[in-house]
Amino acid sequence: MSSSQSKHTPPAGVKKVGQRAVKWIEDGKAGKNFTDVGKHRAHQLADGEDLSDDDVKKMLAYFARHAVDKDAEGFKKGGDGFPSPGRVAWDAWGGDEGDRWVRGIDV
């Protein structure tokens, strides 16, 4: 199996975060700029779908670009505006659990 065909099954914690994101998306908390890609990723993770190396690379790039969103209002539980659209998006990509998980994968 070549590396581009490797499959990575989201661990339970990542799956749970994806399920929370799907609920927030369905509740209309994702905001008007939320992408279909983010929605698809949330469903993949929530369903425990195997991800390819390319998916993992996209997750790594997402977390690298959006780590600054963690400092925004409404990101942390208990804060004003929680969950912010940025928090919904972060969780749609697996949240902190997803970030830790994909960093541990050699792609």
PDB file of N, CA and C in Angstrom:
ATOM      1  N   MET A   1       0.850  -1.191   0.000  1.00  0.00           N
ATOM      2  CA  MET A   1       0.000   0.000   0.000  1.00  0.00           C
ATOM      3  C   MET A   1       0.884   1.240   0.000  1.00  0.00           C
ATOM      4  N   SER A   2       0.683   2.103  -0.962  1.00  0.00           N
ATOM      5  CA  SER A   2       1.470   3.336  -1.012  1.00  0.00           C
ATOM      6  C   SER A   2       0.971   4.310   0.040  1.00  0.00           C
ATOM      7  N   SER A   3       1.814   5.285   0.363  1.00  0.00           N
ATOM      8  CA  SER A   3       1.436   6.216   1.426  1.00  0.00           C
ATOM      9  C   SER A   3       0.184   7.009   1.060  1.00  0.00           C
ATOM     10  N   SER A   4      -0.045   7.250  -0.240  1.00  0.00           N
ATOM     11  CA  SER A   4      -1.219   8.026  -0.618  1.00  0.00           C
ATOM     12  C   SER A   4      -2.506   7.226  -0.409  1.00  0.00           C
ATOM     13  N   GLN A   5      -2.358   5.911  -0.193  1.00  0.00           N
ATOM     14  CA  GLN A   5      -3.526   5.068   0.023  1.00  0.00           C
ATOM     15  C   GLN A   5      -3.685   4.670   1.492  1.00  0.00           C
ATOM     16  N   SER A   6      -2.812   5.154   2.363  1.00  0.00           N
ATOM     17  CA  SER A   6      -2.924   4.822   3.776  1.00  0.00           C
ATOM     18  C   SER A   6      -4.244   5.321   4.320  1.00  0.00           C
ATOM     19  N   LYS A   7      -4.780   4.574   5.262  1.00  0.00           N
ATOM     20  CA  LYS A   7      -6.041   4.970   5.889  1.00  0.00           C
ATOM     21  C   LYS A   7      -5.801   5.187   7.374  1.00  0.00           C
ATOM     22  N   HIS A   8      -6.431   6.237   7.891  1.00  0.00           N
ATOM     23  CA  HIS A   8      -6.250   6.607   9.291  1.00  0.00           C
ATOM     24  C   HIS A   8      -7.636   6.733   9.926  1.00  0.00           C
ATOM     25  N   THR A   9      -7.916   5.875  10.903  1.00  0.00           N
ATOM     26  CA  THR A   9      -9.215   5.876  11.557  1.00  0.00           C
ATOM     27  C   THR A   9      -9.202   6.845  12.734  1.00  0.00           C
ATOM     28  N   PRO A  10     -10.121   7.815  12.741  1.00  0.00           N
ATOM     29  CA  PRO A  10     -10.151   8.781  13.850  1.00  0.00           C
ATOM     30  C   PRO A  10     -10.386   8.078  15.193  1.00  0.00           C
ATOM     31  N   PRO A  11      -9.595   8.414  16.206  1.00  0.00           N
ATOM     32  CA  PRO A  11      -9.832   7.849  17.530  1.00  0.00           C
ATOM     33  C   PRO A  11     -11.154   8.358  18.125  1.00  0.00           C
ATOM     34  N   ALA A  12     -11.599   7.714  19.175  1.00  0.00           N
ATOM     35  CA  ALA A  12     -12.901   8.024  19.787  1.00  0.00           C
ATOM     36  C   ALA A  12     -13.045   9.499  20.157  1.00  0.00           C
ATOM     37  N   GLY A  13     -11.999  10.111  20.707  1.00  0.00           N
ATOM     38  CA  GLY A  13     -12.084  11.515  21.105  1.00  0.00           C
ATOM     39  C   GLY A  13     -12.292  12.446  19.929  1.00  0.00           C
ATOM     40  N   VAL A  14     -11.658  12.141  18.804  1.00  0.00           N
ATOM     41  CA  VAL A  14     -11.809  12.948  17.596  1.00  0.00           C
ATOM     42  C   VAL A  14     -13.218  12.758  17.028  1.00  0.00           C
ATOM     43  N   LYS A  15     -13.692  11.534  17.060  1.00  0.00           N
ATOM     44  CA  LYS A  15     -15.048  11.221  16.592  1.00  0.00           C
ATOM     45  C   LYS A  15     -16.083  12.000  17.411  1.00  0.00           C
ATOM     46  N   LYS A  16     -15.890  12.036  18.723  1.00  0.00           N
ATOM     47  CA  LYS A  16     -16.814  12.752  19.611  1.00  0.00           C
ATOM     48  C   LYS A  16     -16.831  14.253  19.298  1.00  0.00           C
ATOM     49  N   VAL A  17     -15.665  14.840  19.052  1.00  0.00           N
ATOM     50  CA  VAL A  17     -15.583  16.260  18.708  1.00  0.00           C
ATOM     51  C   VAL A  17     -16.298  16.513  17.378  1.00  0.00           C
ATOM     52  N   GLY A  18     -16.106  15.621  16.419  1.00  0.00           N
ATOM     53  CA  GLY A  18     -16.797  15.736  15.142  1.00  0.00           C
ATOM     54  C   GLY A  18     -18.310  15.688  15.308  1.00  0.00           C
ATOM     55  N   GLN A  19     -18.779  14.823  16.193  1.00  0.00           N
ATOM     56  CA  GLN A  19     -20.222  14.726  16.453  1.00  0.00           C
ATOM     57  C   GLN A  19     -20.764  16.010  17.070  1.00  0.00           C
ATOM     58  N   ARG A  20     -19.989  16.605  17.963  1.00  0.00           N
ATOM     59  CA  ARG A  20     -20.392  17.879  18.566  1.00  0.00           C
ATOM     60  C   ARG A  20     -20.460  18.966  17.486  1.00  0.00           C
ATOM     61  N   ALA A  21     -19.476  18.978  16.600  1.00  0.00           N
ATOM     62  CA  ALA A  21     -19.459  19.968  15.517  1.00  0.00           C
ATOM     63  C   ALA A  21     -20.666  19.796  14.604  1.00  0.00           C
ATOM     64  N   VAL A  22     -21.000  18.562  14.262  1.00  0.00           N
ATOM     65  CA  VAL A  22     -22.162  18.307  13.399  1.00  0.00           C
ATOM     66  C   VAL A  22     -23.425  18.865  14.054  1.00  0.00           C
ATOM     67  N   LYS A  23     -23.569  18.653  15.362  1.00  0.00           N
ATOM     68  CA  LYS A  23     -24.752  19.172  16.063  1.00  0.00           C
ATOM     69  C   LYS A  23     -24.772  20.701  16.015  1.00  0.00           C
ATOM     70  N   TRP A  24     -23.633  21.327  16.265  1.00  0.00           N
ATOM     71  CA  TRP A  24     -23.560  22.791  16.206  1.00  0.00           C
ATOM     72  C   TRP A  24     -23.880  23.303  14.805  1.00  0.00           C
ATOM     73  N   ILE A  25     -23.377  22.606  13.784  1.00  0.00           N
ATOM     74  CA  ILE A  25     -23.669  22.999  12.396  1.00  0.00           C
ATOM     75  C   ILE A  25     -25.172  22.913  12.151  1.00  0.00           C
ATOM     76  N   GLU A  26     -25.768  21.807  12.560  1.00  0.00           N
ATOM     77  CA  GLU A  26     -27.213  21.615  12.382  1.00  0.00           C
ATOM     78  C   GLU A  26     -28.019  22.646  13.162  1.00  0.00           C
ATOM     79  N   ASP A  27     -27.474  23.117  14.275  1.00  0.00           N
ATOM     80  CA  ASP A  27     -28.139  24.144  15.102  1.00  0.00           C
ATOM     81  C   ASP A  27     -27.908  25.556  14.564  1.00  0.00           C
ATOM     82  N   GLY A  28     -27.189  25.686  13.452  1.00  0.00           N
ATOM     83  CA  GLY A  28     -26.965  26.985  12.831  1.00  0.00           C
ATOM     84  C   GLY A  28     -25.882  27.834  13.467  1.00  0.00           C
ATOM     85  N   LYS A  29     -24.970  27.221  14.188  1.00  0.00           N
ATOM     86  CA  LYS A  29     -23.924  27.973  14.897  1.00  0.00           C
ATOM     87  C   LYS A  29     -22.625  28.123  14.096  1.00  0.00           C
ATOM     88  N   ALA A  30     -22.597  27.607  12.857  1.00  0.00           N
ATOM     89  CA  ALA A  30     -21.358  27.615  12.076  1.00  0.00           C
ATOM     90  C   ALA A  30     -21.058  28.959  11.416  1.00  0.00           C
ATOM     91  N   GLY A  31     -22.042  29.818  11.277  1.00  0.00           N
ATOM     92  CA  GLY A  31     -21.808  31.116  10.651  1.00  0.00           C
ATOM     93  C   GLY A  31     -21.948  31.055   9.142  1.00  0.00           C
ATOM     94  N   LYS A  32     -22.072  32.229   8.548  1.00  0.00           N
ATOM     95  CA  LYS A  32     -22.369  32.309   7.115  1.00  0.00           C
ATOM     96  C   LYS A  32     -21.193  31.960   6.218  1.00  0.00           C
ATOM     97  N   ASN A  33     -19.991  31.997   6.723  1.00  0.00           N
ATOM     98  CA  ASN A  33     -18.817  31.699   5.901  1.00  0.00           C
ATOM     99  C   ASN A  33     -18.324  30.262   6.040  1.00  0.00           C
ATOM    100  N   PHE A  34     -19.082  29.437   6.739  1.00  0.00           N
ATOM    101  CA  PHE A  34     -18.684  28.039   6.937  1.00  0.00           C
ATOM    102  C   PHE A  34     -18.711  27.314   5.599  1.00  0.00           C
ATOM    103  N   THR A  35     -17.693  26.513   5.352  1.00  0.00           N
ATOM    104  CA  THR A  35     -17.554  25.875   4.037  1.00  0.00           C
ATOM    105  C   THR A  35     -18.142  24.464   3.996  1.00  0.00           C
ATOM    106  N   ASP A  36     -18.461  24.029   2.780  1.00  0.00           N
ATOM    107  CA  ASP A  36     -18.902  22.655   2.576  1.00  0.00           C
ATOM    108  C   ASP A  36     -17.791  21.671   2.927  1.00  0.00           C
ATOM    109  N   VAL A  37     -16.546  22.101   2.734  1.00  0.00           N
ATOM    110  CA  VAL A  37     -15.402  21.245   3.077  1.00  0.00           C
ATOM    111  C   VAL A  37     -15.383  20.983   4.580  1.00  0.00           C
ATOM    112  N   GLY A  38     -15.598  22.035   5.369  1.00  0.00           N
ATOM    113  CA  GLY A  38     -15.644  21.872   6.821  1.00  0.00           C
ATOM    114  C   GLY A  38     -16.796  20.980   7.253  1.00  0.00           C
ATOM    115  N   LYS A  39     -17.931  21.156   6.615  1.00  0.00           N
ATOM    116  CA  LYS A  39     -19.102  20.325   6.935  1.00  0.00           C
ATOM    117  C   LYS A  39     -18.818  18.856   6.605  1.00  0.00           C
ATOM    118  N   HIS A  40     -18.214  18.625   5.458  1.00  0.00           N
ATOM    119  CA  HIS A  40     -17.869  17.258   5.051  1.00  0.00           C
ATOM    120  C   HIS A  40     -16.875  16.636   6.036  1.00  0.00           C
ATOM    121  N   ARG A  41     -15.857  17.412   6.430  1.00  0.00           N
ATOM    122  CA  ARG A  41     -14.849  16.894   7.364  1.00  0.00           C
ATOM    123  C   ARG A  41     -15.510  16.542   8.707  1.00  0.00           C
ATOM    124  N   ALA A  42     -16.399  17.388   9.191  1.00  0.00           N
ATOM    125  CA  ALA A  42     -17.088  17.111  10.453  1.00  0.00           C
ATOM    126  C   ALA A  42     -17.841  15.784  10.373  1.00  0.00           C
ATOM    127  N   HIS A  43     -18.527  15.561   9.268  1.00  0.00           N
ATOM    128  CA  HIS A  43     -19.280  14.314   9.105  1.00  0.00           C
ATOM    129  C   HIS A  43     -18.347  13.111   8.994  1.00  0.00           C
ATOM    130  N   GLN A  44     -17.234  13.273   8.278  1.00  0.00           N
ATOM    131  CA  GLN A  44     -16.256  12.176   8.187  1.00  0.00           C
ATOM    132  C   GLN A  44     -15.777  11.767   9.574  1.00  0.00           C
ATOM    133  N   LEU A  45     -15.400  12.760  10.374  1.00  0.00           N
ATOM    134  CA  LEU A  45     -14.878  12.476  11.712  1.00  0.00           C
ATOM    135  C   LEU A  45     -15.965  11.918  12.618  1.00  0.00           C
ATOM    136  N   ALA A  46     -17.152  12.515  12.564  1.00  0.00           N
ATOM    137  CA  ALA A  46     -18.265  12.071  13.405  1.00  0.00           C
ATOM    138  C   ALA A  46     -18.637  10.619  13.121  1.00  0.00           C
ATOM    139  N   ASP A  47     -18.518  10.230  11.863  1.00  0.00           N
ATOM    140  CA  ASP A  47     -18.868   8.867  11.455  1.00  0.00           C
ATOM    141  C   ASP A  47     -17.714   7.882  11.618  1.00  0.00           C
ATOM    142  N   GLY A  48     -16.540   8.383  12.031  1.00  0.00           N
ATOM    143  CA  GLY A  48     -15.384   7.514  12.204  1.00  0.00           C
ATOM    144  C   GLY A  48     -14.832   6.986  10.893  1.00  0.00           C
ATOM    145  N   GLU A  49     -15.054   7.761   9.823  1.00  0.00           N
ATOM    146  CA  GLU A  49     -14.611   7.364   8.485  1.00  0.00           C
ATOM    147  C   GLU A  49     -13.089   7.407   8.402  1.00  0.00           C
ATOM    148  N   ASP A  50     -12.508   6.415   7.741  1.00  0.00           N
ATOM    149  CA  ASP A  50     -11.058   6.416   7.530  1.00  0.00           C
ATOM    150  C   ASP A  50     -10.663   7.611   6.673  1.00  0.00           C
ATOM    151  N   LEU A  51      -9.558   8.251   7.040  1.00  0.00           N
ATOM    152  CA  LEU A  51      -9.045   9.385   6.286  1.00  0.00           C
ATOM    153  C   LEU A  51      -7.776   8.982   5.548  1.00  0.00           C
ATOM    154  N   SER A  52      -7.582   9.572   4.382  1.00  0.00           N
ATOM    155  CA  SER A  52      -6.378   9.321   3.594  1.00  0.00           C
ATOM    156  C   SER A  52      -5.229  10.192   4.095  1.00  0.00           C
ATOM    157  N   ASP A  53      -4.042   9.908   3.593  1.00  0.00           N
ATOM    158  CA  ASP A  53      -2.893  10.762   3.907  1.00  0.00           C
ATOM    159  C   ASP A  53      -3.177  12.201   3.465  1.00  0.00           C
ATOM    160  N   ASP A  54      -3.810  12.367   2.297  1.00  0.00           N
ATOM    161  CA  ASP A  54      -4.132  13.714   1.819  1.00  0.00           C
ATOM    162  C   ASP A  54      -5.065  14.434   2.788  1.00  0.00           C
ATOM    163  N   ASP A  55      -6.054  13.718   3.331  1.00  0.00           N
ATOM    164  CA  ASP A  55      -6.958  14.316   4.323  1.00  0.00           C
ATOM    165  C   ASP A  55      -6.184  14.759   5.555  1.00  0.00           C
ATOM    166  N   VAL A  56      -5.262  13.911   6.006  1.00  0.00           N
ATOM    167  CA  VAL A  56      -4.445  14.238   7.177  1.00  0.00           C
ATOM    168  C   VAL A  56      -3.607  15.484   6.898  1.00  0.00           C
ATOM    169  N   LYS A  57      -3.020  15.573   5.712  1.00  0.00           N
ATOM    170  CA  LYS A  57      -2.223  16.751   5.351  1.00  0.00           C
ATOM    171  C   LYS A  57      -3.093  18.014   5.347  1.00  0.00           C
ATOM    172  N   LYS A  58      -4.319  17.901   4.865  1.00  0.00           N
ATOM    173  CA  LYS A  58      -5.235  19.047   4.866  1.00  0.00           C
ATOM    174  C   LYS A  58      -5.578  19.454   6.292  1.00  0.00           C
ATOM    175  N   MET A  59      -5.743  18.470   7.173  1.00  0.00           N
ATOM    176  CA  MET A  59      -6.016  18.779   8.576  1.00  0.00           C
ATOM    177  C   MET A  59      -4.825  19.484   9.210  1.00  0.00           C
ATOM    178  N   LEU A  60      -3.634  18.997   8.946  1.00  0.00           N
ATOM    179  CA  LEU A  60      -2.431  19.646   9.485  1.00  0.00           C
ATOM    180  C   LEU A  60      -2.354  21.096   9.031  1.00  0.00           C
ATOM    181  N   ALA A  61      -2.628  21.334   7.744  1.00  0.00           N
ATOM    182  CA  ALA A  61      -2.589  22.694   7.209  1.00  0.00           C
ATOM    183  C   ALA A  61      -3.679  23.557   7.841  1.00  0.00           C
ATOM    184  N   TYR A  62      -4.869  22.991   8.032  1.00  0.00           N
ATOM    185  CA  TYR A  62      -5.965  23.742   8.659  1.00  0.00           C
ATOM    186  C   TYR A  62      -5.550  24.184  10.061  1.00  0.00           C
ATOM    187  N   PHE A  63      -5.072  23.245  10.869  1.00  0.00           N
ATOM    188  CA  PHE A  63      -4.708  23.581  12.249  1.00  0.00           C
ATOM    189  C   PHE A  63      -3.583  24.613  12.296  1.00  0.00           C
ATOM    190  N   ALA A  64      -2.620  24.514  11.394  1.00  0.00           N
ATOM    191  CA  ALA A  64      -1.524  25.491  11.360  1.00  0.00           C
ATOM    192  C   ALA A  64      -2.050  26.892  11.042  1.00  0.00           C
ATOM    193  N   ARG A  65      -3.012  26.983  10.117  1.00  0.00           N
ATOM    194  CA  ARG A  65      -3.568  28.287   9.722  1.00  0.00           C
ATOM    195  C   ARG A  65      -4.498  28.868  10.778  1.00  0.00           C
ATOM    196  N   HIS A  66      -5.227  28.014  11.479  1.00  0.00           N
ATOM    197  CA  HIS A  66      -6.313  28.500  12.331  1.00  0.00           C
ATOM    198  C   HIS A  66      -6.046  28.436  13.833  1.00  0.00           C
ATOM    199  N   ALA A  67      -4.838  28.100  14.239  1.00  0.00           N
ATOM    200  CA  ALA A  67      -4.517  28.064  15.678  1.00  0.00           C
ATOM    201  C   ALA A  67      -4.782  29.415  16.331  1.00  0.00           C
ATOM    202  N   VAL A  68      -4.604  30.502  15.580  1.00  0.00           N
ATOM    203  CA  VAL A  68      -4.836  31.842  16.126  1.00  0.00           C
ATOM    204  C   VAL A  68      -6.310  32.050  16.498  1.00  0.00           C
ATOM    205  N   ASP A  69      -7.217  31.292  15.881  1.00  0.00           N
ATOM    206  CA  ASP A  69      -8.649  31.428  16.187  1.00  0.00           C
ATOM    207  C   ASP A  69      -8.967  31.066  17.639  1.00  0.00           C
ATOM    208  N   LYS A  70      -8.082  30.306  18.263  1.00  0.00           N
ATOM    209  CA  LYS A  70      -8.322  29.878  19.636  1.00  0.00           C
ATOM    210  C   LYS A  70      -8.313  31.047  20.620  1.00  0.00           C
ATOM    211  N   ASP A  71      -7.756  32.193  20.192  1.00  0.00           N
ATOM    212  CA  ASP A  71      -7.698  33.372  21.056  1.00  0.00           C
ATOM    213  C   ASP A  71      -8.919  34.275  20.909  1.00  0.00           C
ATOM    214  N   ALA A  72      -9.810  33.942  19.982  1.00  0.00           N
ATOM    215  CA  ALA A  72     -10.960  34.807  19.695  1.00  0.00           C
ATOM    216  C   ALA A  72     -12.079  34.624  20.718  1.00  0.00           C
ATOM    217  N   GLU A  73     -12.909  35.659  20.827  1.00  0.00           N
ATOM    218  CA  GLU A  73     -14.064  35.608  21.718  1.00  0.00           C
ATOM    219  C   GLU A  73     -15.007  34.490  21.281  1.00  0.00           C
ATOM    220  N   GLY A  74     -15.550  33.772  22.247  1.00  0.00           N
ATOM    221  CA  GLY A  74     -16.512  32.715  21.970  1.00  0.00           C
ATOM    222  C   GLY A  74     -15.893  31.365  21.669  1.00  0.00           C
ATOM    223  N   PHE A  75     -14.558  31.290  21.742  1.00  0.00           N
ATOM    224  CA  PHE A  75     -13.904  30.016  21.452  1.00  0.00           C
ATOM    225  C   PHE A  75     -13.963  29.078  22.652  1.00  0.00           C
ATOM    226  N   LYS A  76     -13.739  29.648  23.838  1.00  0.00           N
ATOM    227  CA  LYS A  76     -13.673  28.815  25.045  1.00  0.00           C
ATOM    228  C   LYS A  76     -15.040  28.659  25.702  1.00  0.00           C
ATOM    229  N   LYS A  77     -15.304  27.447  26.158  1.00  0.00           N
ATOM    230  CA  LYS A  77     -16.565  27.146  26.838  1.00  0.00           C
ATOM    231  C   LYS A  77     -16.737  28.086  28.018  1.00  0.00           C
ATOM    232  N   GLY A  78     -17.927  28.646  28.133  1.00  0.00           N
ATOM    233  CA  GLY A  78     -18.212  29.585  29.212  1.00  0.00           C
ATOM    234  C   GLY A  78     -17.996  31.030  28.806  1.00  0.00           C
ATOM    235  N   GLY A  79     -17.326  31.260  27.683  1.00  0.00           N
ATOM    236  CA  GLY A  79     -17.086  32.623  27.215  1.00  0.00           C
ATOM    237  C   GLY A  79     -18.278  33.173  26.454  1.00  0.00           C
ATOM    238  N   ASP A  80     -18.325  34.497  26.318  1.00  0.00           N
ATOM    239  CA  ASP A  80     -19.390  35.136  25.555  1.00  0.00           C
ATOM    240  C   ASP A  80     -19.379  34.632  24.118  1.00  0.00           C
ATOM    241  N   GLY A  81     -20.557  34.295  23.625  1.00  0.00           N
ATOM    242  CA  GLY A  81     -20.686  33.880  22.235  1.00  0.00           C
ATOM    243  C   GLY A  81     -20.261  32.452  21.935  1.00  0.00           C
ATOM    244  N   PHE A  82     -20.037  31.661  22.977  1.00  0.00           N
ATOM    245  CA  PHE A  82     -19.647  30.257  22.771  1.00  0.00           C
ATOM    246  C   PHE A  82     -20.834  29.450  22.264  1.00  0.00           C
ATOM    247  N   PRO A  83     -20.667  28.611  21.263  1.00  0.00           N
ATOM    248  CA  PRO A  83     -19.477  28.442  20.450  1.00  0.00           C
ATOM    249  C   PRO A  83     -19.465  29.427  19.284  1.00  0.00           C
ATOM    250  N   SER A  84     -18.366  30.097  19.109  1.00  0.00           N
ATOM    251  CA  SER A  84     -18.208  31.010  17.977  1.00  0.00           C
ATOM    252  C   SER A  84     -18.122  30.192  16.685  1.00  0.00           C
ATOM    253  N   PRO A  85     -18.369  30.821  15.531  1.00  0.00           N
ATOM    254  CA  PRO A  85     -18.183  30.104  14.270  1.00  0.00           C
ATOM    255  C   PRO A  85     -16.770  29.527  14.129  1.00  0.00           C
ATOM    256  N   GLY A  86     -15.772  30.241  14.652  1.00  0.00           N
ATOM    257  CA  GLY A  86     -14.407  29.723  14.607  1.00  0.00           C
ATOM    258  C   GLY A  86     -14.248  28.457  15.427  1.00  0.00           C
ATOM    259  N   ARG A  87     -14.935  28.399  16.573  1.00  0.00           N
ATOM    260  CA  ARG A  87     -14.878  27.193  17.401  1.00  0.00           C
ATOM    261  C   ARG A  87     -15.595  26.043  16.709  1.00  0.00           C
ATOM    262  N   VAL A  88     -16.730  26.333  16.087  1.00  0.00           N
ATOM    263  CA  VAL A  88     -17.454  25.294  15.357  1.00  0.00           C
ATOM    264  C   VAL A  88     -16.551  24.726  14.257  1.00  0.00           C
ATOM    265  N   ALA A  89     -15.879  25.609  13.512  1.00  0.00           N
ATOM    266  CA  ALA A  89     -14.988  25.170  12.440  1.00  0.00           C
ATOM    267  C   ALA A  89     -13.817  24.355  12.999  1.00  0.00           C
ATOM    268  N   TRP A  90     -13.223  24.825  14.091  1.00  0.00           N
ATOM    269  CA  TRP A  90     -12.101  24.111  14.720  1.00  0.00           C
ATOM    270  C   TRP A  90     -12.524  22.689  15.072  1.00  0.00           C
ATOM    271  N   ASP A  91     -13.704  22.564  15.675  1.00  0.00           N
ATOM    272  CA  ASP A  91     -14.185  21.232  16.045  1.00  0.00           C
ATOM    273  C   ASP A  91     -14.579  20.414  14.824  1.00  0.00           C
ATOM    274  N   ALA A  92     -15.045  21.072  13.761  1.00  0.00           N
ATOM    275  CA  ALA A  92     -15.388  20.352  12.536  1.00  0.00           C
ATOM    276  C   ALA A  92     -14.159  19.650  11.956  1.00  0.00           C
ATOM    277  N   TRP A  93     -13.003  20.202  12.226  1.00  0.00           N
ATOM    278  CA  TRP A  93     -11.749  19.602  11.749  1.00  0.00           C
ATOM    279  C   TRP A  93     -11.125  18.690  12.804  1.00  0.00           C
ATOM    280  N   GLY A  94     -11.809  18.470  13.923  1.00  0.00           N
ATOM    281  CA  GLY A  94     -11.344  17.540  14.944  1.00  0.00           C
ATOM    282  C   GLY A  94     -10.937  18.173  16.254  1.00  0.00           C
ATOM    283  N   GLY A  95     -10.930  19.502  16.306  1.00  0.00           N
ATOM    284  CA  GLY A  95     -10.595  20.190  17.549  1.00  0.00           C
ATOM    285  C   GLY A  95      -9.180  19.890  18.026  1.00  0.00           C
ATOM    286  N   ASP A  96      -8.940  20.173  19.293  1.00  0.00           N
ATOM    287  CA  ASP A  96      -7.609  19.944  19.867  1.00  0.00           C
ATOM    288  C   ASP A  96      -7.218  18.464  19.763  1.00  0.00           C
ATOM    289  N   GLU A  97      -8.214  17.585  19.942  1.00  0.00           N
ATOM    290  CA  GLU A  97      -7.946  16.146  19.848  1.00  0.00           C
ATOM    291  C   GLU A  97      -7.483  15.783  18.438  1.00  0.00           C
ATOM    292  N   GLY A  98      -8.136  16.363  17.447  1.00  0.00           N
ATOM    293  CA  GLY A  98      -7.749  16.111  16.064  1.00  0.00           C
ATOM    294  C   GLY A  98      -6.371  16.655  15.735  1.00  0.00           C
ATOM    295  N   ASP A  99      -6.087  17.827  16.262  1.00  0.00           N
ATOM    296  CA  ASP A  99      -4.777  18.443  16.061  1.00  0.00           C
ATOM    297  C   ASP A  99      -3.682  17.529  16.611  1.00  0.00           C
ATOM    298  N   ARG A 100      -3.863  17.060  17.836  1.00  0.00           N
ATOM    299  CA  ARG A 100      -2.873  16.154  18.438  1.00  0.00           C
ATOM    300  C   ARG A 100      -2.758  14.854  17.639  1.00  0.00           C
ATOM    301  N   TRP A 101      -3.894  14.323  17.206  1.00  0.00           N
ATOM    302  CA  TRP A 101      -3.908  13.057  16.476  1.00  0.00           C
ATOM    303  C   TRP A 101      -3.125  13.156  15.166  1.00  0.00           C
ATOM    304  N   VAL A 102      -3.430  14.163  14.335  1.00  0.00           N
ATOM    305  CA  VAL A 102      -2.770  14.226  13.030  1.00  0.00           C
ATOM    306  C   VAL A 102      -1.297  14.606  13.146  1.00  0.00           C
ATOM    307  N   ARG A 103      -0.923  15.295  14.200  1.00  0.00           N
ATOM    308  CA  ARG A 103       0.507  15.611  14.393  1.00  0.00           C
ATOM    309  C   ARG A 103       1.314  14.341  14.641  1.00  0.00           C
ATOM    310  N   GLY A 104       0.644  13.321  15.140  1.00  0.00           N
ATOM    311  CA  GLY A 104       1.328  12.061  15.430  1.00  0.00           C
ATOM    312  C   GLY A 104       1.378  11.099  14.256  1.00  0.00           C
ATOM    313  N   ILE A 105       0.833  11.510  13.115  1.00  0.00           N
ATOM    314  CA  ILE A 105       0.808  10.651  11.928  1.00  0.00           C
ATOM    315  C   ILE A 105       1.913  11.083  10.980  1.00  0.00           C
ATOM    316  N   ASP A 106       2.691  10.121  10.538  1.00  0.00           N
ATOM    317  CA  ASP A 106       3.794  10.400   9.608  1.00  0.00           C
ATOM    318  C   ASP A 106       3.273  10.313   8.177  1.00  0.00           C
ATOM    319  N   VAL A 107       3.040  11.488   7.550  1.00  0.00           N
ATOM    320  CA  VAL A 107       2.551  11.519   6.164  1.00  0.00           C
ATOM    321  C   VAL A 107       3.553  12.215   5.272  1.00  0.00           C
TER     322      VAL A 107
END
